[in-house]
């Protein structure tokens, strides 16, 4: 088979256009080895263009994420730096208050950094979930352990109804459920009851958490799982629920929300599909 020099030069020019980012269609419908080569080059070029597109999207996402993280860290760090500067000349009672505020700020910053690192691992696919059979009562008890002080300070009580066996990663799922319970506590008044119900059906095993707050609007629900947007509390960052969703979806599960309202609190339902 003879290939004319002009055809090779034309193909070379088209390839250079593709390299420069232009959209060039190399496909031809005629048969022959030369035309098969053109079609294969077209497929390869399209694959590379898609890869570049994905990389650009990832770069933009990373840029936005870093900007969000920088903003979230800057506020508490700036506040703590100001208090440190004022400590030396402050009276003892003010010093004690500043030191307590600095301690609280450091704890919140540590939690934020730890949570962001967990999300980065999940999004990078670097987490291998060790799934096992776990009773719902054990899982809920593990999720509630870090929240006992918060619940006691607000005089809140968790009421558990139902029991089931879940097949999940105990540690990661307890982390997700703990974030949901923490969110329910923050949205409930002092002395309130947080209802946790457990059940199963042929499709999934589920755990629902209902707070005693005023409920959530459709607009609020839409923001719940967007990082740094969903928090309705001055004590939150809006990152706990996005982390919970990432953990559940990493185990072929999901989270649903019923906004409640009219005297009924919001309900967050964790589902692990069978």
Protein backbone atom coordinates (compact mmCIF):
# COMPACT_ATOMS: atom_id res chain seq x y z
CA UNK A 1 0.00 0.00 0.00
CA UNK A 2 1.34 3.36 -1.03
CA UNK A 3 0.74 6.42 1.14
CA UNK A 4 1.15 9.79 -0.45
CA UNK A 5 3.46 12.27 1.24
CA UNK A 6 0.65 14.83 1.29
CA UNK A 7 -1.53 12.50 3.37
CA UNK A 8 1.23 12.06 5.94
CA UNK A 9 1.83 15.82 6.09
CA UNK A 10 -1.91 16.46 6.51
CA UNK A 11 -2.16 13.90 9.32
CA UNK A 12 0.92 15.39 11.01
CA UNK A 13 -0.63 18.86 10.81
CA UNK A 14 -3.90 17.58 12.32
CA UNK A 15 -1.99 15.90 15.18
CA UNK A 16 -0.17 19.16 15.91
CA UNK A 17 -3.53 20.96 16.01
CA UNK A 18 -4.78 18.40 18.52
CA UNK A 19 -1.64 18.92 20.63
CA UNK A 20 -2.38 22.66 20.58
CA UNK A 21 -5.82 21.96 22.02
CA UNK A 22 -7.92 22.21 18.87
CA UNK A 23 -10.84 19.84 18.29
CA UNK A 24 -9.96 17.86 15.15
CA UNK A 25 -11.87 14.82 13.92
CA UNK A 26 -9.47 12.34 12.29
CA UNK A 27 -12.04 9.60 11.71
CA UNK A 28 -12.76 8.25 8.24
CA UNK A 29 -15.28 5.65 7.12
CA UNK A 30 -13.21 4.03 4.35
CA UNK A 31 -11.41 0.74 4.94
CA UNK A 32 -7.68 0.19 4.78
CA UNK A 33 -4.66 0.10 7.11
CA UNK A 34 -4.03 3.84 6.77
CA UNK A 35 -7.58 4.71 7.71
CA UNK A 36 -7.48 2.29 10.67
CA UNK A 37 -4.36 4.13 11.87
CA UNK A 38 -6.16 7.49 11.55
CA UNK A 39 -9.11 6.19 13.58
CA UNK A 40 -6.84 4.76 16.28
CA UNK A 41 -4.98 8.07 16.55
CA UNK A 42 -8.35 9.83 16.88
CA UNK A 43 -9.36 7.52 19.75
CA UNK A 44 -6.01 8.03 21.47
CA UNK A 45 -6.29 11.81 21.09
CA UNK A 46 -9.80 11.82 22.57
CA UNK A 47 -8.65 9.73 25.54
CA UNK A 48 -5.81 12.16 26.19
CA UNK A 49 -8.14 15.14 25.92
CA UNK A 50 -10.50 13.57 28.48
CA UNK A 51 -7.57 12.90 30.81
CA UNK A 52 -6.45 16.51 30.52
CA UNK A 53 -10.01 17.66 31.20
CA UNK A 54 -10.23 15.53 34.35
CA UNK A 55 -6.84 16.79 35.53
CA UNK A 56 -7.96 20.39 35.02
CA UNK A 57 -11.14 19.73 37.01
CA UNK A 58 -9.11 18.08 39.78
CA UNK A 59 -6.74 21.05 39.81
CA UNK A 60 -9.64 23.49 40.10
CA UNK A 61 -11.19 21.40 42.89
CA UNK A 62 -7.87 21.27 44.75
CA UNK A 63 -7.49 25.03 44.40
CA UNK A 64 -10.98 25.66 45.79
CA UNK A 65 -10.45 23.14 48.60
CA UNK A 66 -7.15 24.69 49.64
CA UNK A 67 -8.76 28.14 49.61
CA UNK A 68 -11.58 26.84 51.85
CA UNK A 69 -9.13 25.16 54.22
CA UNK A 70 -6.99 28.30 54.39
CA UNK A 71 -10.04 30.40 55.21
CA UNK A 72 -11.25 27.98 57.90
CA UNK A 73 -7.83 27.80 59.57
CA UNK A 74 -7.07 31.51 59.33
CA UNK A 75 -9.95 32.63 61.56
CA UNK A 76 -9.13 30.59 64.71
CA UNK A 77 -5.35 31.03 64.27
CA UNK A 78 -5.69 34.81 63.97
CA UNK A 79 -7.89 34.90 67.06
CA UNK A 80 -5.42 32.82 69.07
CA UNK A 81 -2.47 34.96 67.97
CA UNK A 82 -4.26 38.11 69.16
CA UNK A 83 -4.99 36.53 72.55
CA UNK A 84 -1.37 35.40 72.90
CA UNK A 85 -0.18 38.98 72.26
CA UNK A 86 -2.58 40.28 74.93
CA UNK A 87 -1.78 37.63 77.54
CA UNK A 88 1.29 39.26 79.08
CA UNK A 89 -0.35 42.48 80.19
CA UNK A 90 -3.75 41.04 81.05
CA UNK A 91 -5.00 40.55 84.64
CA UNK A 92 -5.07 36.95 85.98
CA UNK A 93 -8.81 36.41 85.41
CA UNK A 94 -8.52 37.57 81.78
CA UNK A 95 -5.41 35.42 81.28
CA UNK A 96 -7.35 32.37 82.46
CA UNK A 97 -10.17 33.18 80.03
CA UNK A 98 -7.72 33.70 77.15
CA UNK A 99 -5.93 30.42 77.92
CA UNK A 100 -9.23 28.53 77.92
CA UNK A 101 -10.21 30.15 74.60
CA UNK A 102 -6.82 29.27 73.10
CA UNK A 103 -7.18 25.66 74.29
CA UNK A 104 -10.65 25.44 72.73
CA UNK A 105 -9.35 26.97 69.50
CA UNK A 106 -6.49 24.46 69.32
CA UNK A 107 -8.86 21.55 69.89
CA UNK A 108 -11.21 22.74 67.13
CA UNK A 109 -8.28 23.31 64.77
CA UNK A 110 -6.91 19.83 65.51
CA UNK A 111 -10.33 18.32 64.79
CA UNK A 112 -10.64 20.27 61.53
CA UNK A 113 -7.20 19.20 60.26
CA UNK A 114 -7.84 15.56 61.26
CA UNK A 115 -11.22 15.55 59.51
CA UNK A 116 -9.83 17.13 56.35
CA UNK A 117 -7.08 14.51 56.22
CA UNK A 118 -9.69 11.76 56.52
CA UNK A 119 -11.71 13.29 53.68
CA UNK A 120 -8.57 13.56 51.53
CA UNK A 121 -7.88 9.84 52.07
CA UNK A 122 -11.45 8.92 51.17
CA UNK A 123 -11.51 11.08 48.05
CA UNK A 124 -8.15 9.65 46.92
CA UNK A 125 -9.47 6.09 47.31
CA UNK A 126 -6.74 5.37 49.89
CA UNK A 127 -9.13 3.86 52.45
CA UNK A 128 -9.78 0.11 52.47
CA UNK A 129 -12.92 -0.61 54.46
CA UNK A 130 -12.66 -3.72 56.67
CA UNK A 131 -16.30 -4.78 56.67
CA UNK A 132 -17.60 -7.11 59.37
CA UNK A 133 -20.83 -8.00 61.13
CA UNK A 134 -21.53 -5.42 63.86
CA UNK A 135 -24.56 -5.07 66.13
CA UNK A 136 -26.27 -1.69 65.87
CA UNK A 137 -26.19 -1.17 69.65
CA UNK A 138 -22.40 -1.63 69.77
CA UNK A 139 -21.95 0.72 66.81
CA UNK A 140 -24.14 3.42 68.34
CA UNK A 141 -22.39 3.08 71.71
CA UNK A 142 -19.01 3.57 70.01
CA UNK A 143 -20.34 6.58 68.07
CA UNK A 144 -21.73 8.19 71.24
CA UNK A 145 -18.59 7.76 73.36
CA UNK A 146 -16.86 11.02 72.24
CA UNK A 147 -20.14 12.96 72.66
CA UNK A 148 -20.94 12.09 76.28
CA UNK A 149 -19.61 15.34 77.73
CA UNK A 150 -21.45 17.45 75.13
CA UNK A 151 -24.71 15.59 75.82
CA UNK A 152 -24.30 15.91 79.60
CA UNK A 153 -23.57 19.64 79.42
CA UNK A 154 -26.78 20.17 77.44
CA UNK A 155 -28.79 17.72 79.55
CA UNK A 156 -29.71 15.76 76.43
CA UNK A 157 -30.68 12.10 76.26
CA UNK A 158 -30.39 9.60 73.40
CA UNK A 159 -33.31 7.18 73.10
CA UNK A 160 -32.60 3.99 71.15
CA UNK A 161 -35.32 1.93 69.46
CA UNK A 162 -34.71 -1.29 67.56
CA UNK A 163 -31.75 -3.56 66.96
CA UNK A 164 -30.14 -5.00 63.84
CA UNK A 165 -26.89 -6.42 62.54
CA UNK A 166 -24.94 -4.29 60.08
CA UNK A 167 -22.14 -5.35 57.75
CA UNK A 168 -19.71 -2.43 57.74
CA UNK A 169 -16.35 -1.07 58.81
CA UNK A 170 -16.91 -0.58 62.54
CA UNK A 171 -14.44 2.30 63.10
CA UNK A 172 -15.28 4.36 60.00
CA UNK A 173 -19.04 3.84 60.30
CA UNK A 174 -18.95 4.85 63.98
CA UNK A 175 -17.10 7.99 62.87
CA UNK A 176 -19.86 8.78 60.36
CA UNK A 177 -22.66 8.06 62.83
CA UNK A 178 -20.88 10.11 65.50
CA UNK A 179 -20.83 13.15 63.22
CA UNK A 180 -24.56 12.76 62.57
CA UNK A 181 -25.30 12.45 66.29
CA UNK A 182 -23.10 15.47 67.04
CA UNK A 183 -25.04 17.46 64.45
CA UNK A 184 -28.34 16.35 66.02
CA UNK A 185 -27.13 17.46 69.46
CA UNK A 186 -26.07 20.88 68.16
CA UNK A 187 -29.49 21.41 66.56
CA UNK A 188 -31.47 20.32 69.63
CA UNK A 189 -32.24 22.49 72.68
CA UNK A 190 -31.05 21.73 76.20
CA UNK A 191 -32.81 18.82 77.88
CA UNK A 192 -34.00 17.42 74.55
CA UNK A 193 -34.31 13.80 73.46
CA UNK A 194 -32.48 12.58 70.36
CA UNK A 195 -34.26 9.58 68.89
CA UNK A 196 -32.18 6.83 67.24
CA UNK A 197 -34.15 4.12 65.43
CA UNK A 198 -32.76 0.98 63.82
CA UNK A 199 -34.39 -1.28 61.26
CA UNK A 200 -33.89 -3.51 58.25
CA UNK A 201 -35.70 -4.42 55.05
CA UNK A 202 -34.85 -6.60 52.04
CA UNK A 203 -32.85 -3.75 50.51
CA UNK A 204 -30.90 -2.19 53.40
CA UNK A 205 -30.18 -1.96 57.09
CA UNK A 206 -30.71 1.55 58.40
CA UNK A 207 -30.15 3.81 61.39
CA UNK A 208 -32.11 7.05 61.67
CA UNK A 209 -31.26 9.98 63.94
CA UNK A 210 -34.02 12.51 64.70
CA UNK A 211 -33.17 15.73 66.53
CA UNK A 212 -35.53 17.96 68.55
CA UNK A 213 -34.83 21.11 66.58
CA UNK A 214 -37.11 23.20 64.37
CA UNK A 215 -36.43 21.12 61.25
CA UNK A 216 -34.63 22.00 58.03
CA UNK A 217 -35.81 23.80 54.92
CA UNK A 218 -35.22 22.45 51.42
CA UNK A 219 -32.46 25.03 50.92
CA UNK A 220 -30.73 23.96 54.14
CA UNK A 221 -30.92 20.28 53.18
CA UNK A 222 -29.32 21.09 49.81
CA UNK A 223 -26.28 22.54 51.62
CA UNK A 224 -25.89 19.87 54.28
CA UNK A 225 -23.35 17.78 52.39
CA UNK A 226 -21.36 20.63 50.84
CA UNK A 227 -18.12 21.24 52.66
CA UNK A 228 -18.04 24.40 54.80
CA UNK A 229 -21.62 25.29 53.81
CA UNK A 230 -23.92 23.02 55.79
CA UNK A 231 -23.20 24.20 59.33
CA UNK A 232 -26.07 26.07 60.98
CA UNK A 233 -24.12 26.31 64.25
CA UNK A 234 -21.42 28.76 65.19
CA UNK A 235 -19.51 25.82 66.70
CA UNK A 236 -19.43 23.84 63.46
CA UNK A 237 -17.44 23.91 60.24
CA UNK A 238 -19.95 22.22 57.94
CA UNK A 239 -17.63 19.28 57.29
CA UNK A 240 -18.89 16.47 59.56
CA UNK A 241 -21.84 15.46 57.37
CA UNK A 242 -19.85 15.53 54.08
CA UNK A 243 -17.34 13.20 55.77
CA UNK A 244 -20.17 10.93 56.93
CA UNK A 245 -21.58 10.75 53.40
CA UNK A 246 -18.16 9.92 51.93
CA UNK A 247 -17.74 7.10 54.46
CA UNK A 248 -21.16 5.62 53.72
CA UNK A 249 -20.80 5.82 49.94
CA UNK A 250 -17.38 4.21 50.24
CA UNK A 251 -19.22 1.18 51.65
CA UNK A 252 -22.00 1.17 49.03
CA UNK A 253 -24.31 2.99 51.43
CA UNK A 254 -26.06 6.34 51.43
CA UNK A 255 -27.62 9.04 53.63
CA UNK A 256 -31.13 10.46 53.29
CA UNK A 257 -32.58 13.51 55.06
CA UNK A 258 -36.16 14.32 56.07
CA UNK A 259 -36.33 18.00 56.96
CA UNK A 260 -39.23 17.69 59.40
CA UNK A 261 -40.57 21.06 60.57
CA UNK A 262 -43.87 22.14 62.18
CA UNK A 263 -42.78 20.87 65.57
CA UNK A 264 -40.89 17.86 64.23
CA UNK A 265 -37.10 17.71 64.14
CA UNK A 266 -35.00 16.74 61.12
CA UNK A 267 -34.20 13.06 60.53
CA UNK A 268 -30.97 11.79 59.00
CA UNK A 269 -31.09 8.17 57.82
CA UNK A 270 -27.93 6.10 57.34
CA UNK A 271 -28.44 3.21 54.91
CA UNK A 272 -26.17 0.25 54.28
CA UNK A 273 -27.42 -1.76 51.34
CA UNK A 274 -27.46 -5.54 51.52
